Amino acid sequence: MDWLRKSKIFRLVVELLSQGITPRQIALTLAIGSALGVFPLLGTTTLLCAVAAGVGRFNMPLIQLVNYLVYPLQLILLLPFWRVGAWLFGSAVPGSLSEMVRSFTKNPWQSLGQWGWTALEGIGVWGLASLAWVPLSYTLVWIVLNSFWKGKNSHV
């Protein structure tokens, strides 16, 4: 765990804690930010996180940092979300991301019609996955932060 204490992200969280943000607020921000950061529609997560921060009164820099950190996961999970959605709802399954890019390059309107429903179905799968992910990640992060916070305050 020493590597964690030396990381920039950990120092940022410690700094936020010392500014009056509670472990619960940080844990919820991290959980919501990580869930929104893998939303299966490219180009939407920054706006989604900004809206969530405004509505939920989350720390904007922290939720956007988490959003950017999970971006590789968004790319990795995009097709699996879409494929599971297509499988659940019985629609066309995209073969690959490059196939979709070629399709959109050749005929954007036809591709939007072809893959639009698949994207919506993938968003449905993401929503179901988020129902499990947010409480699980919130609880785990809160436990870690709370134990650190108690340990930090006991040395003061």
Foldseek 3Di string as FASTA:
>chain_A
DVVLCPDPVNVVVVVVVVVPDDLLLLLLLLLVLLLLLLQLDPPCSLVVSVVCCVVVVHDNVSSVVSSVVCNVVSVVCNLVLLQVLCVVVVADRDPDPVVLVVVCVVPVVVSCVRCVVSSVSSNVSSVVVSVVRSVVSSVVSSVVRVVVVVVVVVVD
